[in-house]
Amino acid sequence: MHRDSAETLAITALAWLIGNDALLPVFLGATGASLQDAKAGAEDPLFLASVLDFLVMDDDWVIAFCDSARLDYRAPLAARQALSGGALPNWT
Protein backbone atom coordinates (compact mmCIF):
# COMPACT_ATOMS: atom_id res chain seq x y z
CA MET A 1 0.00 0.00 0.00
CA HIS A 2 1.28 3.46 -0.87
CA ARG A 3 1.67 6.06 1.87
CA ASP A 4 -1.02 8.34 0.38
CA SER A 5 -3.52 5.48 0.34
CA ALA A 6 -2.54 4.57 3.90
CA GLU A 7 -3.10 8.13 5.10
CA THR A 8 -6.49 8.23 3.38
CA LEU A 9 -7.48 4.95 5.03
CA ALA A 10 -6.30 6.19 8.43
CA ILE A 11 -8.29 9.42 8.03
CA THR A 12 -11.33 7.31 7.15
CA ALA A 13 -10.71 5.23 10.28
CA LEU A 14 -10.39 8.39 12.37
CA ALA A 15 -13.69 9.71 11.00
CA TRP A 16 -15.28 6.34 11.77
CA LEU A 17 -13.98 6.49 15.34
CA ILE A 18 -15.21 10.05 15.81
CA GLY A 19 -18.64 8.98 14.62
CA ASN A 20 -18.72 5.93 16.91
CA ASP A 21 -20.31 7.05 20.19
CA ALA A 22 -19.37 3.85 22.00
CA LEU A 23 -15.76 3.59 20.84
CA LEU A 24 -14.72 7.26 20.71
CA PRO A 25 -14.40 7.63 24.50
CA VAL A 26 -12.28 4.45 24.61
CA PHE A 27 -9.99 5.83 21.91
CA LEU A 28 -9.70 9.24 23.58
CA GLY A 29 -9.00 7.61 26.94
CA ALA A 30 -6.39 5.27 25.48
CA THR A 31 -4.57 8.02 23.62
CA GLY A 32 -5.06 10.89 26.06
CA ALA A 33 -6.24 13.00 23.13
CA SER A 34 -9.18 15.37 23.22
CA LEU A 35 -11.76 15.45 20.46
CA GLN A 36 -10.06 18.60 19.15
CA ASP A 37 -6.69 16.81 19.18
CA ALA A 38 -8.22 13.91 17.25
CA LYS A 39 -9.63 16.21 14.59
CA ALA A 40 -6.32 18.06 14.27
CA GLY A 41 -4.50 14.72 14.16
CA ALA A 42 -5.90 14.04 10.70
CA GLU A 43 -2.91 15.99 9.37
CA ASP A 44 -0.28 14.20 11.47
CA PRO A 45 1.04 10.87 10.12
CA LEU A 46 2.15 9.79 13.61
CA PHE A 47 -1.30 10.41 15.02
CA LEU A 48 -2.86 8.57 12.09
CA ALA A 49 -0.57 5.63 12.83
CA SER A 50 -1.82 5.67 16.42
CA VAL A 51 -5.40 5.54 15.14
CA LEU A 52 -4.58 2.38 13.23
CA ASP A 53 -2.63 0.95 16.19
CA PHE A 54 -5.75 1.41 18.30
CA LEU A 55 -8.10 0.00 15.68
CA VAL A 56 -6.14 -3.20 15.10
CA MET A 57 -6.11 -4.02 18.82
CA ASP A 58 -9.54 -5.64 18.48
CA ASP A 59 -10.77 -7.87 15.67
CA ASP A 60 -14.36 -6.74 16.20
CA TRP A 61 -13.32 -3.11 15.66
CA VAL A 62 -11.43 -4.03 12.50
CA ILE A 63 -14.42 -5.96 11.18
CA ALA A 64 -16.88 -3.17 11.99
CA PHE A 65 -14.68 -0.50 10.42
CA CYS A 66 -13.84 -2.53 7.33
CA ASP A 67 -17.46 -3.56 6.81
CA SER A 68 -18.59 0.06 7.05
CA ALA A 69 -15.86 1.24 4.66
CA ARG A 70 -16.10 -1.85 2.41
CA LEU A 71 -12.45 -2.71 2.90
CA ASP A 72 -10.57 -5.96 3.15
CA TYR A 73 -9.97 -6.87 6.79
CA ARG A 74 -6.23 -6.75 6.19
CA ALA A 75 -6.31 -3.13 4.98
CA PRO A 76 -5.86 -1.37 8.36
CA LEU A 77 -2.71 -3.35 9.17
CA ALA A 78 -1.34 -2.82 5.65
CA ALA A 79 -1.99 0.90 6.03
CA ARG A 80 -0.29 0.92 9.43
CA GLN A 81 2.79 -0.71 7.94
CA ALA A 82 2.85 1.82 5.11
CA LEU A 83 2.61 4.77 7.50
CA SER A 84 5.53 3.60 9.54
CA GLY A 85 7.67 2.63 6.57
CA GLY A 86 6.90 -1.03 7.16
CA ALA A 87 8.18 -1.29 10.72
CA LEU A 88 5.72 -2.13 13.44
CA PRO A 89 6.50 -1.65 17.12
CA ASN A 90 7.82 -4.72 18.90
CA TRP A 91 6.68 -4.93 22.50
CA THR A 92 8.45 -8.17 23.38
PDB file of N, CA and C in Angstrom:
ATOM      1  N   MET A   1       0.857  -1.176   0.000  1.00  0.00           N
ATOM      2  CA  MET A   1       0.000   0.000   0.000  1.00  0.00           C
ATOM      3  C   MET A   1       0.898   1.232   0.000  1.00  0.00           C
ATOM      4  N   HIS A   2       0.534   2.208  -0.810  1.00  0.00           N
ATOM      5  CA  HIS A   2       1.284   3.463  -0.867  1.00  0.00           C
ATOM      6  C   HIS A   2       0.922   4.340   0.327  1.00  0.00           C
ATOM      7  N   ARG A   3       1.852   5.193   0.702  1.00  0.00           N
ATOM      8  CA  ARG A   3       1.666   6.058   1.868  1.00  0.00           C
ATOM      9  C   ARG A   3       0.415   6.938   1.742  1.00  0.00           C
ATOM     10  N   ASP A   4       0.171   7.490   0.551  1.00  0.00           N
ATOM     11  CA  ASP A   4      -1.021   8.343   0.378  1.00  0.00           C
ATOM     12  C   ASP A   4      -2.301   7.554   0.634  1.00  0.00           C
ATOM     13  N   SER A   5      -2.349   6.331   0.121  1.00  0.00           N
ATOM     14  CA  SER A   5      -3.523   5.477   0.343  1.00  0.00           C
ATOM     15  C   SER A   5      -3.656   5.123   1.820  1.00  0.00           C
ATOM     16  N   ALA A   6      -2.531   4.892   2.470  1.00  0.00           N
ATOM     17  CA  ALA A   6      -2.541   4.568   3.898  1.00  0.00           C
ATOM     18  C   ALA A   6      -3.054   5.741   4.718  1.00  0.00           C
ATOM     19  N   GLU A   7      -2.617   6.943   4.380  1.00  0.00           N
ATOM     20  CA  GLU A   7      -3.103   8.125   5.100  1.00  0.00           C
ATOM     21  C   GLU A   7      -4.595   8.308   4.891  1.00  0.00           C
ATOM     22  N   THR A   8      -5.063   8.101   3.665  1.00  0.00           N
ATOM     23  CA  THR A   8      -6.488   8.229   3.385  1.00  0.00           C
ATOM     24  C   THR A   8      -7.286   7.213   4.190  1.00  0.00           C
ATOM     25  N   LEU A   9      -6.803   5.968   4.244  1.00  0.00           N
ATOM     26  CA  LEU A   9      -7.484   4.947   5.029  1.00  0.00           C
ATOM     27  C   LEU A   9      -7.491   5.313   6.509  1.00  0.00           C
ATOM     28  N   ALA A  10      -6.379   5.812   7.010  1.00  0.00           N
ATOM     29  CA  ALA A  10      -6.303   6.192   8.427  1.00  0.00           C
ATOM     30  C   ALA A  10      -7.231   7.360   8.743  1.00  0.00           C
ATOM     31  N   ILE A  11      -7.350   8.304   7.833  1.00  0.00           N
ATOM     32  CA  ILE A  11      -8.289   9.422   8.032  1.00  0.00           C
ATOM     33  C   ILE A  11      -9.723   8.893   8.042  1.00  0.00           C
ATOM     34  N   THR A  12     -10.008   7.940   7.169  1.00  0.00           N
ATOM     35  CA  THR A  12     -11.329   7.314   7.151  1.00  0.00           C
ATOM     36  C   THR A  12     -11.590   6.599   8.473  1.00  0.00           C
ATOM     37  N   ALA A  13     -10.576   5.910   8.989  1.00  0.00           N
ATOM     38  CA  ALA A  13     -10.709   5.229  10.282  1.00  0.00           C
ATOM     39  C   ALA A  13     -10.930   6.238  11.407  1.00  0.00           C
ATOM     40  N   LEU A  14     -10.217   7.346  11.358  1.00  0.00           N
ATOM     41  CA  LEU A  14     -10.388   8.386  12.371  1.00  0.00           C
ATOM     42  C   LEU A  14     -11.808   8.945  12.329  1.00  0.00           C
ATOM     43  N   ALA A  15     -12.310   9.210  11.139  1.00  0.00           N
ATOM     44  CA  ALA A  15     -13.688   9.709  11.000  1.00  0.00           C
ATOM     45  C   ALA A  15     -14.685   8.683  11.536  1.00  0.00           C
ATOM     46  N   TRP A  16     -14.415   7.408  11.263  1.00  0.00           N
ATOM     47  CA  TRP A  16     -15.282   6.341  11.768  1.00  0.00           C
ATOM     48  C   TRP A  16     -15.264   6.324  13.295  1.00  0.00           C
ATOM     49  N   LEU A  17     -14.078   6.457  13.882  1.00  0.00           N
ATOM     50  CA  LEU A  17     -13.979   6.489  15.344  1.00  0.00           C
ATOM     51  C   LEU A  17     -14.716   7.685  15.928  1.00  0.00           C
ATOM     52  N   ILE A  18     -14.546   8.845  15.313  1.00  0.00           N
ATOM     53  CA  ILE A  18     -15.209  10.051  15.815  1.00  0.00           C
ATOM     54  C   ILE A  18     -16.723   9.902  15.756  1.00  0.00           C
ATOM     55  N   GLY A  19     -17.207   9.194  14.756  1.00  0.00           N
ATOM     56  CA  GLY A  19     -18.644   8.980  14.623  1.00  0.00           C
ATOM     57  C   GLY A  19     -19.179   7.813  15.438  1.00  0.00           C
ATOM     58  N   ASN A  20     -18.320   7.104  16.145  1.00  0.00           N
ATOM     59  CA  ASN A  20     -18.721   5.932  16.914  1.00  0.00           C
ATOM     60  C   ASN A  20     -18.844   6.332  18.384  1.00  0.00           C
ATOM     61  N   ASP A  21     -20.078   6.561  18.825  1.00  0.00           N
ATOM     62  CA  ASP A  21     -20.310   7.055  20.189  1.00  0.00           C
ATOM     63  C   ASP A  21     -19.819   6.104  21.277  1.00  0.00           C
ATOM     64  N   ALA A  22     -19.814   4.813  20.993  1.00  0.00           N
ATOM     65  CA  ALA A  22     -19.372   3.852  22.002  1.00  0.00           C
ATOM     66  C   ALA A  22     -17.852   3.740  22.052  1.00  0.00           C
ATOM     67  N   LEU A  23     -17.197   3.822  20.902  1.00  0.00           N
ATOM     68  CA  LEU A  23     -15.758   3.589  20.838  1.00  0.00           C
ATOM     69  C   LEU A  23     -14.928   4.864  20.982  1.00  0.00           C
ATOM     70  N   LEU A  24     -15.478   6.004  20.622  1.00  0.00           N
ATOM     71  CA  LEU A  24     -14.718   7.259  20.707  1.00  0.00           C
ATOM     72  C   LEU A  24     -14.171   7.522  22.102  1.00  0.00           C
ATOM     73  N   PRO A  25     -14.964   7.382  23.169  1.00  0.00           N
ATOM     74  CA  PRO A  25     -14.397   7.627  24.502  1.00  0.00           C
ATOM     75  C   PRO A  25     -13.261   6.654  24.860  1.00  0.00           C
ATOM     76  N   VAL A  26     -13.344   5.433  24.357  1.00  0.00           N
ATOM     77  CA  VAL A  26     -12.282   4.451  24.610  1.00  0.00           C
ATOM     78  C   VAL A  26     -11.006   4.906  23.910  1.00  0.00           C
ATOM     79  N   PHE A  27     -11.139   5.336  22.669  1.00  0.00           N
ATOM     80  CA  PHE A  27      -9.991   5.828  21.908  1.00  0.00           C
ATOM     81  C   PHE A  27      -9.382   7.063  22.578  1.00  0.00           C
ATOM     82  N   LEU A  28     -10.215   8.018  22.944  1.00  0.00           N
ATOM     83  CA  LEU A  28      -9.704   9.238  23.581  1.00  0.00           C
ATOM     84  C   LEU A  28      -9.020   8.905  24.902  1.00  0.00           C
ATOM     85  N   GLY A  29      -9.611   8.001  25.672  1.00  0.00           N
ATOM     86  CA  GLY A  29      -9.005   7.607  26.942  1.00  0.00           C
ATOM     87  C   GLY A  29      -7.681   6.887  26.753  1.00  0.00           C
ATOM     88  N   ALA A  30      -7.615   6.038  25.732  1.00  0.00           N
ATOM     89  CA  ALA A  30      -6.392   5.274  25.479  1.00  0.00           C
ATOM     90  C   ALA A  30      -5.262   6.153  24.977  1.00  0.00           C
ATOM     91  N   THR A  31      -5.603   7.171  24.200  1.00  0.00           N
ATOM     92  CA  THR A  31      -4.573   8.025  23.617  1.00  0.00           C
ATOM     93  C   THR A  31      -4.283   9.265  24.442  1.00  0.00           C
ATOM     94  N   GLY A  32      -5.210   9.649  25.307  1.00  0.00           N
ATOM     95  CA  GLY A  32      -5.062  10.886  26.061  1.00  0.00           C
ATOM     96  C   GLY A  32      -5.384  12.117  25.232  1.00  0.00           C
ATOM     97  N   ALA A  33      -5.905  11.891  24.036  1.00  0.00           N
ATOM     98  CA  ALA A  33      -6.240  13.005  23.134  1.00  0.00           C
ATOM     99  C   ALA A  33      -7.631  13.538  23.467  1.00  0.00           C
ATOM    100  N   SER A  34      -7.836  14.792  23.154  1.00  0.00           N
ATOM    101  CA  SER A  34      -9.177  15.367  23.224  1.00  0.00           C
ATOM    102  C   SER A  34      -9.818  15.211  21.847  1.00  0.00           C
ATOM    103  N   LEU A  35     -11.093  15.508  21.756  1.00  0.00           N
ATOM    104  CA  LEU A  35     -11.762  15.452  20.459  1.00  0.00           C
ATOM    105  C   LEU A  35     -11.122  16.442  19.487  1.00  0.00           C
ATOM    106  N   GLN A  36     -10.733  17.609  19.988  1.00  0.00           N
ATOM    107  CA  GLN A  36     -10.061  18.601  19.148  1.00  0.00           C
ATOM    108  C   GLN A  36      -8.702  18.084  18.665  1.00  0.00           C
ATOM    109  N   ASP A  37      -7.974  17.416  19.560  1.00  0.00           N
ATOM    110  CA  ASP A  37      -6.691  16.807  19.179  1.00  0.00           C
ATOM    111  C   ASP A  37      -6.899  15.774  18.079  1.00  0.00           C
ATOM    112  N   ALA A  38      -7.939  14.965  18.231  1.00  0.00           N
ATOM    113  CA  ALA A  38      -8.218  13.914  17.251  1.00  0.00           C
ATOM    114  C   ALA A  38      -8.521  14.519  15.890  1.00  0.00           C
ATOM    115  N   LYS A  39      -9.310  15.566  15.873  1.00  0.00           N
ATOM    116  CA  LYS A  39      -9.630  16.212  14.593  1.00  0.00           C
ATOM    117  C   LYS A  39      -8.383  16.834  13.971  1.00  0.00           C
ATOM    118  N   ALA A  40      -7.557  17.457  14.786  1.00  0.00           N
ATOM    119  CA  ALA A  40      -6.316  18.058  14.274  1.00  0.00           C
ATOM    120  C   ALA A  40      -5.322  16.984  13.851  1.00  0.00           C
ATOM    121  N   GLY A  41      -5.416  15.820  14.462  1.00  0.00           N
ATOM    122  CA  GLY A  41      -4.503  14.723  14.160  1.00  0.00           C
ATOM    123  C   GLY A  41      -4.635  14.164  12.762  1.00  0.00           C
ATOM    124  N   ALA A  42      -5.693  14.519  12.073  1.00  0.00           N
ATOM    125  CA  ALA A  42      -5.895  14.039  10.704  1.00  0.00           C
ATOM    126  C   ALA A  42      -4.779  14.501   9.776  1.00  0.00           C
ATOM    127  N   GLU A  43      -4.015  15.484  10.193  1.00  0.00           N
ATOM    128  CA  GLU A  43      -2.913  15.992   9.370  1.00  0.00           C
ATOM    129  C   GLU A  43      -1.549  15.500   9.853  1.00  0.00           C
ATOM    130  N   ASP A  44      -1.532  14.661  10.865  1.00  0.00           N
ATOM    131  CA  ASP A  44      -0.281  14.198  11.468  1.00  0.00           C
ATOM    132  C   ASP A  44      -0.110  12.692  11.229  1.00  0.00           C
ATOM    133  N   PRO A  45       0.850  12.297  10.402  1.00  0.00           N
ATOM    134  CA  PRO A  45       1.038  10.866  10.124  1.00  0.00           C
ATOM    135  C   PRO A  45       1.280  10.017  11.371  1.00  0.00           C
ATOM    136  N   LEU A  46       1.938  10.561  12.375  1.00  0.00           N
ATOM    137  CA  LEU A  46       2.152   9.788  13.606  1.00  0.00           C
ATOM    138  C   LEU A  46       0.844   9.559  14.357  1.00  0.00           C
ATOM    139  N   PHE A  47       0.000  10.575  14.380  1.00  0.00           N
ATOM    140  CA  PHE A  47      -1.299  10.410  15.024  1.00  0.00           C
ATOM    141  C   PHE A  47      -2.148   9.422  14.240  1.00  0.00           C
ATOM    142  N   LEU A  48      -2.101   9.504  12.918  1.00  0.00           N
ATOM    143  CA  LEU A  48      -2.856   8.569  12.087  1.00  0.00           C
ATOM    144  C   LEU A  48      -2.386   7.137  12.316  1.00  0.00           C
ATOM    145  N   ALA A  49      -1.089   6.959  12.504  1.00  0.00           N
ATOM    146  CA  ALA A  49      -0.570   5.631  12.825  1.00  0.00           C
ATOM    147  C   ALA A  49      -1.135   5.149  14.156  1.00  0.00           C
ATOM    148  N   SER A  50      -1.267   6.062  15.123  1.00  0.00           N
ATOM    149  CA  SER A  50      -1.820   5.674  16.423  1.00  0.00           C
ATOM    150  C   SER A  50      -3.291   5.285  16.307  1.00  0.00           C
ATOM    151  N   VAL A  51      -4.004   5.924  15.388  1.00  0.00           N
ATOM    152  CA  VAL A  51      -5.401   5.545  15.139  1.00  0.00           C
ATOM    153  C   VAL A  51      -5.457   4.092  14.677  1.00  0.00           C
ATOM    154  N   LEU A  52      -4.594   3.743  13.741  1.00  0.00           N
ATOM    155  CA  LEU A  52      -4.582   2.378  13.226  1.00  0.00           C
ATOM    156  C   LEU A  52      -4.075   1.393  14.271  1.00  0.00           C
ATOM    157  N   ASP A  53      -3.090   1.799  15.085  1.00  0.00           N
ATOM    158  CA  ASP A  53      -2.627   0.949  16.187  1.00  0.00           C
ATOM    159  C   ASP A  53      -3.797   0.607  17.110  1.00  0.00           C
ATOM    160  N   PHE A  54      -4.590   1.611  17.427  1.00  0.00           N
ATOM    161  CA  PHE A  54      -5.751   1.406  18.301  1.00  0.00           C
ATOM    162  C   PHE A  54      -6.762   0.480  17.626  1.00  0.00           C
ATOM    163  N   LEU A  55      -7.077   0.757  16.393  1.00  0.00           N
ATOM    164  CA  LEU A  55      -8.096  -0.004  15.681  1.00  0.00           C
ATOM    165  C   LEU A  55      -7.754  -1.489  15.597  1.00  0.00           C
ATOM    166  N   VAL A  56      -6.506  -1.789  15.303  1.00  0.00           N
ATOM    167  CA  VAL A  56      -6.138  -3.195  15.099  1.00  0.00           C
ATOM    168  C   VAL A  56      -5.967  -3.964  16.412  1.00  0.00           C
ATOM    169  N   MET A  57      -6.182  -3.320  17.537  1.00  0.00           N
ATOM    170  CA  MET A  57      -6.114  -4.018  18.824  1.00  0.00           C
ATOM    171  C   MET A  57      -7.271  -5.002  19.006  1.00  0.00           C
ATOM    172  N   ASP A  58      -8.358  -4.812  18.270  1.00  0.00           N
ATOM    173  CA  ASP A  58      -9.537  -5.641  18.481  1.00  0.00           C
ATOM    174  C   ASP A  58     -10.121  -6.065  17.135  1.00  0.00           C
ATOM    175  N   ASP A  59     -10.242  -7.355  16.941  1.00  0.00           N
ATOM    176  CA  ASP A  59     -10.768  -7.866  15.674  1.00  0.00           C
ATOM    177  C   ASP A  59     -12.175  -7.352  15.383  1.00  0.00           C
ATOM    178  N   ASP A  60     -13.002  -7.228  16.414  1.00  0.00           N
ATOM    179  CA  ASP A  60     -14.363  -6.737  16.203  1.00  0.00           C
ATOM    180  C   ASP A  60     -14.360  -5.302  15.674  1.00  0.00           C
ATOM    181  N   TRP A  61     -13.422  -4.490  16.154  1.00  0.00           N
ATOM    182  CA  TRP A  61     -13.322  -3.114  15.659  1.00  0.00           C
ATOM    183  C   TRP A  61     -12.881  -3.105  14.197  1.00  0.00           C
ATOM    184  N   VAL A  62     -11.908  -3.939  13.885  1.00  0.00           N
ATOM    185  CA  VAL A  62     -11.428  -4.029  12.499  1.00  0.00           C
ATOM    186  C   VAL A  62     -12.573  -4.447  11.589  1.00  0.00           C
ATOM    187  N   ILE A  63     -13.308  -5.466  11.991  1.00  0.00           N
ATOM    188  CA  ILE A  63     -14.419  -5.961  11.177  1.00  0.00           C
ATOM    189  C   ILE A  63     -15.478  -4.879  10.997  1.00  0.00           C
ATOM    190  N   ALA A  64     -15.853  -4.214  12.090  1.00  0.00           N
ATOM    191  CA  ALA A  64     -16.884  -3.170  11.991  1.00  0.00           C
ATOM    192  C   ALA A  64     -16.437  -2.032  11.088  1.00  0.00           C
ATOM    193  N   PHE A  65     -15.187  -1.582  11.265  1.00  0.00           N
ATOM    194  CA  PHE A  65     -14.680  -0.500  10.418  1.00  0.00           C
ATOM    195  C   PHE A  65     -14.614  -0.933   8.966  1.00  0.00           C
ATOM    196  N   CYS A  66     -14.023  -2.075   8.716  1.00  0.00           N
ATOM    197  CA  CYS A  66     -13.841  -2.529   7.332  1.00  0.00           C
ATOM    198  C   CYS A  66     -15.182  -2.803   6.656  1.00  0.00           C
ATOM    199  N   ASP A  67     -16.133  -3.353   7.387  1.00  0.00           N
ATOM    200  CA  ASP A  67     -17.459  -3.564   6.812  1.00  0.00           C
ATOM    201  C   ASP A  67     -18.114  -2.236   6.455  1.00  0.00           C
ATOM    202  N   SER A  68     -17.965  -1.243   7.324  1.00  0.00           N
ATOM    203  CA  SER A  68     -18.591   0.060   7.048  1.00  0.00           C
ATOM    204  C   SER A  68     -17.920   0.782   5.883  1.00  0.00           C
ATOM    205  N   ALA A  69     -16.616   0.569   5.727  1.00  0.00           N
ATOM    206  CA  ALA A  69     -15.864   1.238   4.660  1.00  0.00           C
ATOM    207  C   ALA A  69     -15.688   0.341   3.433  1.00  0.00           C
ATOM    208  N   ARG A  70     -16.222  -0.874   3.507  1.00  0.00           N
ATOM    209  CA  ARG A  70     -16.100  -1.846   2.413  1.00  0.00           C
ATOM    210  C   ARG A  70     -14.643  -2.113   2.042  1.00  0.00           C
ATOM    211  N   LEU A  71     -13.879  -2.430   3.069  1.00  0.00           N
ATOM    212  CA  LEU A  71     -12.455  -2.712   2.902  1.00  0.00           C
ATOM    213  C   LEU A  71     -12.161  -4.148   3.284  1.00  0.00           C
ATOM    214  N   ASP A  72     -11.093  -4.667   2.736  1.00  0.00           N
ATOM    215  CA  ASP A  72     -10.572  -5.963   3.146  1.00  0.00           C
ATOM    216  C   ASP A  72     -10.123  -5.842   4.604  1.00  0.00           C
ATOM    217  N   TYR A  73     -10.327  -6.900   5.376  1.00  0.00           N
ATOM    218  CA  TYR A  73      -9.975  -6.867   6.793  1.00  0.00           C
ATOM    219  C   TYR A  73      -8.484  -6.685   7.037  1.00  0.00           C
ATOM    220  N   ARG A  74      -7.680  -6.936   6.049  1.00  0.00           N
ATOM    221  CA  ARG A  74      -6.228  -6.752   6.194  1.00  0.00           C
ATOM    222  C   ARG A  74      -5.784  -5.318   5.912  1.00  0.00           C
ATOM    223  N   ALA A  75      -6.675  -4.490   5.398  1.00  0.00           N
ATOM    224  CA  ALA A  75      -6.307  -3.131   4.982  1.00  0.00           C
ATOM    225  C   ALA A  75      -5.782  -2.248   6.117  1.00  0.00           C
ATOM    226  N   PRO A  76      -6.394  -2.250   7.304  1.00  0.00           N
ATOM    227  CA  PRO A  76      -5.859  -1.373   8.358  1.00  0.00           C
ATOM    228  C   PRO A  76      -4.411  -1.706   8.739  1.00  0.00           C
ATOM    229  N   LEU A  77      -4.077  -2.981   8.826  1.00  0.00           N
ATOM    230  CA  LEU A  77      -2.708  -3.349   9.173  1.00  0.00           C
ATOM    231  C   LEU A  77      -1.747  -2.994   8.031  1.00  0.00           C
ATOM    232  N   ALA A  78      -2.177  -3.197   6.797  1.00  0.00           N
ATOM    233  CA  ALA A  78      -1.339  -2.822   5.651  1.00  0.00           C
ATOM    234  C   ALA A  78      -1.102  -1.318   5.651  1.00  0.00           C
ATOM    235  N   ALA A  79      -2.135  -0.554   5.962  1.00  0.00           N
ATOM    236  CA  ALA A  79      -1.988   0.904   6.029  1.00  0.00           C
ATOM    237  C   ALA A  79      -1.045   1.290   7.155  1.00  0.00           C
ATOM    238  N   ARG A  80      -1.169   0.614   8.293  1.00  0.00           N
ATOM    239  CA  ARG A  80      -0.295   0.918   9.433  1.00  0.00           C
ATOM    240  C   ARG A  80       1.159   0.673   9.064  1.00  0.00           C
ATOM    241  N   GLN A  81       1.427  -0.399   8.362  1.00  0.00           N
ATOM    242  CA  GLN A  81       2.789  -0.705   7.942  1.00  0.00           C
ATOM    243  C   GLN A  81       3.297   0.339   6.962  1.00  0.00           C
ATOM    244  N   ALA A  82       2.444   0.813   6.087  1.00  0.00           N
ATOM    245  CA  ALA A  82       2.853   1.824   5.108  1.00  0.00           C
ATOM    246  C   ALA A  82       3.145   3.158   5.781  1.00  0.00           C
ATOM    247  N   LEU A  83       2.387   3.500   6.809  1.00  0.00           N
ATOM    248  CA  LEU A  83       2.610   4.772   7.497  1.00  0.00           C
ATOM    249  C   LEU A  83       3.931   4.790   8.253  1.00  0.00           C
ATOM    250  N   SER A  84       4.325   3.633   8.728  1.00  0.00           N
ATOM    251  CA  SER A  84       5.533   3.599   9.539  1.00  0.00           C
ATOM    252  C   SER A  84       6.749   3.167   8.718  1.00  0.00           C
ATOM    253  N   GLY A  85       6.576   3.087   7.413  1.00  0.00           N
ATOM    254  CA  GLY A  85       7.674   2.631   6.574  1.00  0.00           C
ATOM    255  C   GLY A  85       7.863   1.135   6.648  1.00  0.00           C
ATOM    256  N   GLY A  86       6.849   0.414   7.104  1.00  0.00           N
ATOM    257  CA  GLY A  86       6.898  -1.035   7.160  1.00  0.00           C
ATOM    258  C   GLY A  86       7.249  -1.594   8.517  1.00  0.00           C
ATOM    259  N   ALA A  87       7.795  -0.797   9.403  1.00  0.00           N
ATOM    260  CA  ALA A  87       8.181  -1.290  10.725  1.00  0.00           C
ATOM    261  C   ALA A  87       7.023  -1.141  11.703  1.00  0.00           C
ATOM    262  N   LEU A  88       6.716  -2.194  12.387  1.00  0.00           N
ATOM    263  CA  LEU A  88       5.718  -2.134  13.443  1.00  0.00           C
ATOM    264  C   LEU A  88       6.433  -2.203  14.781  1.00  0.00           C
ATOM    265  N   PRO A  89       5.866  -1.582  15.818  1.00  0.00           N
ATOM    266  CA  PRO A  89       6.503  -1.647  17.121  1.00  0.00           C
ATOM    267  C   PRO A  89       6.586  -3.096  17.604  1.00  0.00           C
ATOM    268  N   ASN A  90       7.631  -3.405  18.323  1.00  0.00           N
ATOM    269  CA  ASN A  90       7.820  -4.721  18.901  1.00  0.00           C
ATOM    270  C   ASN A  90       7.824  -4.556  20.412  1.00  0.00           C
ATOM    271  N   TRP A  91       6.812  -5.113  21.062  1.00  0.00           N
ATOM    272  CA  TRP A  91       6.682  -4.929  22.502  1.00  0.00           C
ATOM    273  C   TRP A  91       7.225  -6.101  23.291  1.00  0.00           C
ATOM    274  N   THR A  92       7.926  -7.017  22.630  1.00  0.00           N
ATOM    275  CA  THR A  92       8.446  -8.166  23.379  1.00  0.00           C
ATOM    276  C   THR A  92       9.890  -7.984  23.720  1.00  0.00           C
TER     277      THR A  92
END
